[in-house]
Amino acid sequence: MDSVPDKQHAHELIERLDPSQISTAVRFLEFMLLDPVARSVATTPLDDEPTTQDDLRRLREGEEWFRQRSGRGIQIAGCAMTLASSWRIFQTLRMKYSSAALSHRVVG
């Protein structure tokens, strides 16, 4: 479809709206322009599960953990380096033991 006639038609439709409907049309158009992640967040239903005692306990533990660290969390760079290091160790061990298993395999 040619976008100029479509845009013109959209303008004509907006002009025909009752003034009380304009804000709804604007919100709809803004919604359509959201990126997919923001649109997904905007349309996700609220969590309606009741908060359990376990949830509250974990929340208090998390708040206390942050208080003990003056409100500072763990930097993502440190987490990424730890994960990368662990992955390299895993890969090294996997290759070592896979090679050992292959060398002891009996072909028959």
Protein backbone atom coordinates (compact mmCIF):
# COMPACT_ATOMS: atom_id res chain seq x y z
CA MET A 1 0.00 0.00 0.00
CA ASP A 2 1.08 3.53 -0.68
CA SER A 3 1.77 5.21 2.66
CA VAL A 4 0.73 8.76 1.61
CA PRO A 5 -2.93 7.84 0.95
CA ASP A 6 -2.94 5.71 4.13
CA LYS A 7 -1.61 8.62 6.19
CA GLN A 8 -4.10 10.97 4.59
CA HIS A 9 -6.91 8.53 5.39
CA ALA A 10 -5.68 8.28 9.01
CA HIS A 11 -5.75 12.08 9.27
CA GLU A 12 -9.28 12.16 7.86
CA LEU A 13 -10.42 9.56 10.39
CA ILE A 14 -8.90 11.56 13.24
CA GLU A 15 -10.66 14.70 12.01
CA ARG A 16 -13.99 12.83 12.12
CA LEU A 17 -13.55 11.77 15.74
CA ASP A 18 -15.57 13.38 18.47
CA PRO A 19 -13.29 15.63 20.59
CA SER A 20 -13.82 13.30 23.56
CA GLN A 21 -12.24 10.43 21.56
CA ILE A 22 -9.04 12.24 20.55
CA SER A 23 -7.05 11.43 23.71
CA THR A 24 -7.90 7.73 23.33
CA ALA A 25 -6.79 7.78 19.69
CA VAL A 26 -3.55 9.52 20.65
CA ARG A 27 -2.82 6.94 23.39
CA PHE A 28 -3.50 4.14 20.88
CA LEU A 29 -1.11 5.65 18.32
CA GLU A 30 1.55 6.13 21.00
CA PHE A 31 1.10 2.50 22.03
CA MET A 32 1.60 1.39 18.43
CA LEU A 33 4.90 3.30 18.32
CA LEU A 34 6.35 1.62 21.41
CA ASP A 35 9.23 -0.75 20.89
CA PRO A 36 8.25 -4.43 21.27
CA VAL A 37 9.70 -4.76 24.79
CA ALA A 38 7.92 -1.65 26.08
CA ARG A 39 4.69 -2.84 24.43
CA SER A 40 5.06 -6.23 26.12
CA VAL A 41 5.62 -4.61 29.51
CA ALA A 42 2.63 -2.30 28.95
CA THR A 43 0.30 -5.21 28.16
CA THR A 44 1.51 -7.71 30.76
CA PRO A 45 -1.15 -8.32 33.39
CA LEU A 46 -0.32 -7.39 36.95
CA ASP A 47 0.85 -10.19 39.20
CA ASP A 48 -2.26 -11.03 41.19
CA GLU A 49 -0.75 -13.84 43.27
CA PRO A 50 -0.94 -13.19 46.99
CA THR A 51 2.29 -12.29 48.76
CA THR A 52 3.39 -15.22 50.92
CA GLN A 53 5.28 -15.16 54.20
CA ASP A 54 8.22 -16.66 52.31
CA ASP A 55 8.08 -13.75 49.82
CA LEU A 56 8.13 -11.25 52.69
CA ARG A 57 11.02 -13.09 54.38
CA ARG A 58 13.06 -13.01 51.18
CA LEU A 59 12.29 -9.33 50.71
CA ARG A 60 13.49 -8.55 54.26
CA GLU A 61 16.63 -10.64 53.69
CA GLY A 62 17.36 -8.75 50.48
CA GLU A 63 16.82 -5.38 52.14
CA GLU A 64 19.14 -6.41 54.99
CA TRP A 65 21.77 -7.60 52.50
CA PHE A 66 21.73 -4.17 50.82
CA ARG A 67 21.81 -2.36 54.19
CA GLN A 68 24.92 -4.31 55.19
CA ARG A 69 26.57 -3.15 51.98
CA SER A 70 25.50 0.50 52.25
CA GLY A 71 22.95 0.02 49.48
CA ARG A 72 25.48 -1.25 46.96
CA GLY A 73 24.83 -4.40 44.99
CA ILE A 74 27.15 -6.58 42.96
CA GLN A 75 28.55 -4.97 39.82
CA ILE A 76 27.51 -6.78 36.66
CA ALA A 77 31.08 -6.71 35.34
CA GLY A 78 32.21 -8.80 38.30
CA CYS A 79 29.40 -11.28 37.74
CA ALA A 80 30.23 -11.53 34.05
CA MET A 81 33.93 -12.15 34.75
CA THR A 82 33.10 -14.85 37.32
CA LEU A 83 30.69 -16.51 34.92
CA ALA A 84 33.18 -16.37 32.04
CA SER A 85 35.90 -17.84 34.25
CA SER A 86 33.61 -20.64 35.41
CA TRP A 87 32.61 -21.35 31.81
CA ARG A 88 36.27 -21.63 30.73
CA ILE A 89 36.96 -24.05 33.60
CA PHE A 90 33.88 -26.09 32.67
CA GLN A 91 34.92 -26.23 29.00
CA THR A 92 38.47 -27.26 29.93
CA LEU A 93 37.26 -30.06 32.22
CA ARG A 94 34.69 -31.21 29.69
CA MET A 95 37.33 -31.45 26.97
CA LYS A 96 39.76 -33.22 29.31
CA TYR A 97 37.26 -35.83 30.44
CA SER A 98 35.67 -36.24 27.01
CA SER A 99 39.12 -36.93 25.54
CA ALA A 100 39.91 -39.38 28.35
CA ALA A 101 36.62 -41.19 27.82
CA LEU A 102 37.25 -41.43 24.07
CA SER A 103 40.75 -42.81 24.53
CA HIS A 104 39.44 -45.59 26.81
CA ARG A 105 36.58 -46.55 24.53
CA VAL A 106 36.78 -50.10 23.22
CA VAL A 107 35.97 -50.42 19.56
CA GLY A 108 34.46 -53.74 18.70
